[in-house]
Amino acid sequence: MNDISTIIDFVIEAAHNTDLRDEFKKFLDTNPNFTQVKGWFDERKYIVSDDECIRILENKDRIFSGIEVRNY
Protein backbone atom coordinates (compact mmCIF):
# COMPACT_ATOMS: atom_id res chain seq x y z
CA MET A 1 0.00 0.00 0.00
CA ASN A 2 1.30 3.47 -0.83
CA ASP A 3 1.24 6.48 1.49
CA ILE A 4 -2.11 7.75 0.25
CA SER A 5 -4.76 5.10 -0.19
CA THR A 6 -8.42 5.88 -0.88
CA ILE A 7 -11.68 3.98 -0.56
CA ILE A 8 -11.11 2.71 -4.11
CA ASP A 9 -7.75 1.27 -3.06
CA PHE A 10 -9.45 -0.38 -0.09
CA VAL A 11 -12.15 -1.96 -2.26
CA ILE A 12 -9.58 -3.35 -4.70
CA GLU A 13 -7.35 -4.64 -1.90
CA ALA A 14 -10.28 -6.20 -0.03
CA ALA A 15 -11.42 -7.92 -3.24
CA HIS A 16 -8.10 -9.75 -3.37
CA ASN A 17 -7.28 -10.06 0.34
CA THR A 18 -9.66 -12.30 2.27
CA ASP A 19 -8.05 -11.38 5.59
CA LEU A 20 -8.74 -7.68 5.05
CA ARG A 21 -12.26 -8.41 3.83
CA ASP A 22 -12.99 -10.65 6.83
CA GLU A 23 -11.54 -8.10 9.23
CA PHE A 24 -13.78 -5.38 7.77
CA LYS A 25 -16.85 -7.61 7.88
CA LYS A 26 -16.23 -8.50 11.53
CA PHE A 27 -15.76 -4.81 12.28
CA LEU A 28 -19.06 -3.89 10.59
CA ASP A 29 -20.81 -6.68 12.50
CA THR A 30 -20.02 -4.76 15.73
CA ASN A 31 -22.42 -1.98 14.56
CA PRO A 32 -19.81 0.78 14.66
CA ASN A 33 -20.72 4.44 14.73
CA PHE A 34 -19.38 7.08 12.35
CA THR A 35 -16.35 7.91 14.50
CA GLN A 36 -15.38 4.25 14.77
CA VAL A 37 -15.64 3.73 10.99
CA LYS A 38 -13.52 6.80 10.33
CA GLY A 39 -10.98 5.62 12.91
CA TRP A 40 -10.84 2.09 11.43
CA PHE A 41 -9.82 3.50 8.04
CA ASP A 42 -7.47 6.08 9.59
CA GLU A 43 -5.62 3.36 11.54
CA ARG A 44 -5.04 1.50 8.30
CA LYS A 45 -3.85 4.63 6.46
CA TYR A 46 -6.86 4.94 4.14
CA ILE A 47 -8.09 8.44 3.34
CA VAL A 48 -11.87 8.04 3.47
CA SER A 49 -14.20 11.04 3.42
CA ASP A 50 -16.94 11.66 5.96
CA ASP A 51 -19.51 11.10 3.21
CA GLU A 52 -17.96 7.73 2.31
CA CYS A 53 -18.10 6.64 5.96
CA ILE A 54 -21.74 7.68 6.17
CA ARG A 55 -22.54 5.73 2.98
CA ILE A 56 -20.80 2.64 4.39
CA LEU A 57 -22.93 2.85 7.53
CA GLU A 58 -26.11 3.38 5.51
CA ASN A 59 -25.36 0.35 3.32
CA LYS A 60 -23.49 -1.95 5.71
CA ASP A 61 -26.15 -4.66 5.54
CA ARG A 62 -25.83 -4.82 1.76
CA ILE A 63 -22.05 -4.55 1.47
CA PHE A 64 -21.33 -8.26 1.85
CA SER A 65 -24.58 -9.69 0.54
CA GLY A 66 -24.11 -11.44 -2.77
CA ILE A 67 -20.51 -10.37 -3.26
CA GLU A 68 -18.64 -12.08 -6.04
CA VAL A 69 -14.93 -11.37 -6.04
CA ARG A 70 -13.84 -10.37 -9.51
CA ASN A 71 -10.39 -10.36 -11.02
CA TYR A 72 -9.38 -6.72 -11.52
C-alpha atoms as a PDB file:
ATOM      1  CA  MET A   1       0.000   0.000   0.000  1.00  0.00           C
ATOM      2  CA  ASN A   2       1.300   3.470  -0.834  1.00  0.00           C
ATOM      3  CA  ASP A   3       1.243   6.483   1.494  1.00  0.00           C
ATOM      4  CA  ILE A   4      -2.113   7.753   0.251  1.00  0.00           C
ATOM      5  CA  SER A   5      -4.763   5.098  -0.194  1.00  0.00           C
ATOM      6  CA  THR A   6      -8.418   5.882  -0.879  1.00  0.00           C
ATOM      7  CA  ILE A   7     -11.681   3.980  -0.560  1.00  0.00           C
ATOM      8  CA  ILE A   8     -11.107   2.707  -4.111  1.00  0.00           C
ATOM      9  CA  ASP A   9      -7.750   1.268  -3.058  1.00  0.00           C
ATOM     10  CA  PHE A  10      -9.454  -0.381  -0.087  1.00  0.00           C
ATOM     11  CA  VAL A  11     -12.153  -1.963  -2.262  1.00  0.00           C
ATOM     12  CA  ILE A  12      -9.576  -3.347  -4.699  1.00  0.00           C
ATOM     13  CA  GLU A  13      -7.346  -4.641  -1.901  1.00  0.00           C
ATOM     14  CA  ALA A  14     -10.283  -6.204  -0.035  1.00  0.00           C
ATOM     15  CA  ALA A  15     -11.418  -7.921  -3.237  1.00  0.00           C
ATOM     16  CA  HIS A  16      -8.097  -9.753  -3.369  1.00  0.00           C
ATOM     17  CA  ASN A  17      -7.282 -10.062   0.344  1.00  0.00           C
ATOM     18  CA  THR A  18      -9.664 -12.301   2.267  1.00  0.00           C
ATOM     19  CA  ASP A  19      -8.046 -11.379   5.595  1.00  0.00           C
ATOM     20  CA  LEU A  20      -8.737  -7.676   5.045  1.00  0.00           C
ATOM     21  CA  ARG A  21     -12.258  -8.414   3.825  1.00  0.00           C
ATOM     22  CA  ASP A  22     -12.993 -10.652   6.826  1.00  0.00           C
ATOM     23  CA  GLU A  23     -11.539  -8.100   9.229  1.00  0.00           C
ATOM     24  CA  PHE A  24     -13.781  -5.376   7.771  1.00  0.00           C
ATOM     25  CA  LYS A  25     -16.848  -7.613   7.876  1.00  0.00           C
ATOM     26  CA  LYS A  26     -16.225  -8.504  11.529  1.00  0.00           C
ATOM     27  CA  PHE A  27     -15.761  -4.808  12.280  1.00  0.00           C
ATOM     28  CA  LEU A  28     -19.061  -3.893  10.587  1.00  0.00           C
ATOM     29  CA  ASP A  29     -20.809  -6.679  12.504  1.00  0.00           C
ATOM     30  CA  THR A  30     -20.024  -4.760  15.726  1.00  0.00           C
ATOM     31  CA  ASN A  31     -22.418  -1.983  14.561  1.00  0.00           C
ATOM     32  CA  PRO A  32     -19.806   0.778  14.662  1.00  0.00           C
ATOM     33  CA  ASN A  33     -20.718   4.441  14.734  1.00  0.00           C
ATOM     34  CA  PHE A  34     -19.378   7.083  12.351  1.00  0.00           C
ATOM     35  CA  THR A  35     -16.346   7.914  14.502  1.00  0.00           C
ATOM     36  CA  GLN A  36     -15.377   4.253  14.766  1.00  0.00           C
ATOM     37  CA  VAL A  37     -15.644   3.728  10.990  1.00  0.00           C
ATOM     38  CA  LYS A  38     -13.524   6.803  10.327  1.00  0.00           C
ATOM     39  CA  GLY A  39     -10.982   5.619  12.908  1.00  0.00           C
ATOM     40  CA  TRP A  40     -10.842   2.093  11.427  1.00  0.00           C
ATOM     41  CA  PHE A  41      -9.818   3.496   8.043  1.00  0.00           C
ATOM     42  CA  ASP A  42      -7.467   6.076   9.586  1.00  0.00           C
ATOM     43  CA  GLU A  43      -5.622   3.361  11.537  1.00  0.00           C
ATOM     44  CA  ARG A  44      -5.037   1.498   8.295  1.00  0.00           C
ATOM     45  CA  LYS A  45      -3.852   4.628   6.458  1.00  0.00           C
ATOM     46  CA  TYR A  46      -6.861   4.939   4.136  1.00  0.00           C
ATOM     47  CA  ILE A  47      -8.086   8.439   3.344  1.00  0.00           C
ATOM     48  CA  VAL A  48     -11.874   8.042   3.470  1.00  0.00           C
ATOM     49  CA  SER A  49     -14.200  11.036   3.423  1.00  0.00           C
ATOM     50  CA  ASP A  50     -16.935  11.659   5.961  1.00  0.00           C
ATOM     51  CA  ASP A  51     -19.508  11.095   3.214  1.00  0.00           C
ATOM     52  CA  GLU A  52     -17.958   7.732   2.306  1.00  0.00           C
ATOM     53  CA  CYS A  53     -18.100   6.642   5.957  1.00  0.00           C
ATOM     54  CA  ILE A  54     -21.743   7.680   6.167  1.00  0.00           C
ATOM     55  CA  ARG A  55     -22.537   5.732   2.980  1.00  0.00           C
ATOM     56  CA  ILE A  56     -20.798   2.642   4.386  1.00  0.00           C
ATOM     57  CA  LEU A  57     -22.932   2.848   7.527  1.00  0.00           C
ATOM     58  CA  GLU A  58     -26.113   3.376   5.513  1.00  0.00           C
ATOM     59  CA  ASN A  59     -25.356   0.352   3.325  1.00  0.00           C
ATOM     60  CA  LYS A  60     -23.486  -1.949   5.707  1.00  0.00           C
ATOM     61  CA  ASP A  61     -26.146  -4.662   5.540  1.00  0.00           C
ATOM     62  CA  ARG A  62     -25.834  -4.818   1.756  1.00  0.00           C
ATOM     63  CA  ILE A  63     -22.047  -4.545   1.472  1.00  0.00           C
ATOM     64  CA  PHE A  64     -21.328  -8.262   1.852  1.00  0.00           C
ATOM     65  CA  SER A  65     -24.583  -9.686   0.542  1.00  0.00           C
ATOM     66  CA  GLY A  66     -24.114 -11.441  -2.773  1.00  0.00           C
ATOM     67  CA  ILE A  67     -20.507 -10.372  -3.264  1.00  0.00           C
ATOM     68  CA  GLU A  68     -18.638 -12.085  -6.037  1.00  0.00           C
ATOM     69  CA  VAL A  69     -14.934 -11.367  -6.039  1.00  0.00           C
ATOM     70  CA  ARG A  70     -13.837 -10.365  -9.506  1.00  0.00           C
ATOM     71  CA  ASN A  71     -10.387 -10.358 -11.023  1.00  0.00           C
ATOM     72  CA  TYR A  72      -9.379  -6.724 -11.518  1.00  0.00           C
END
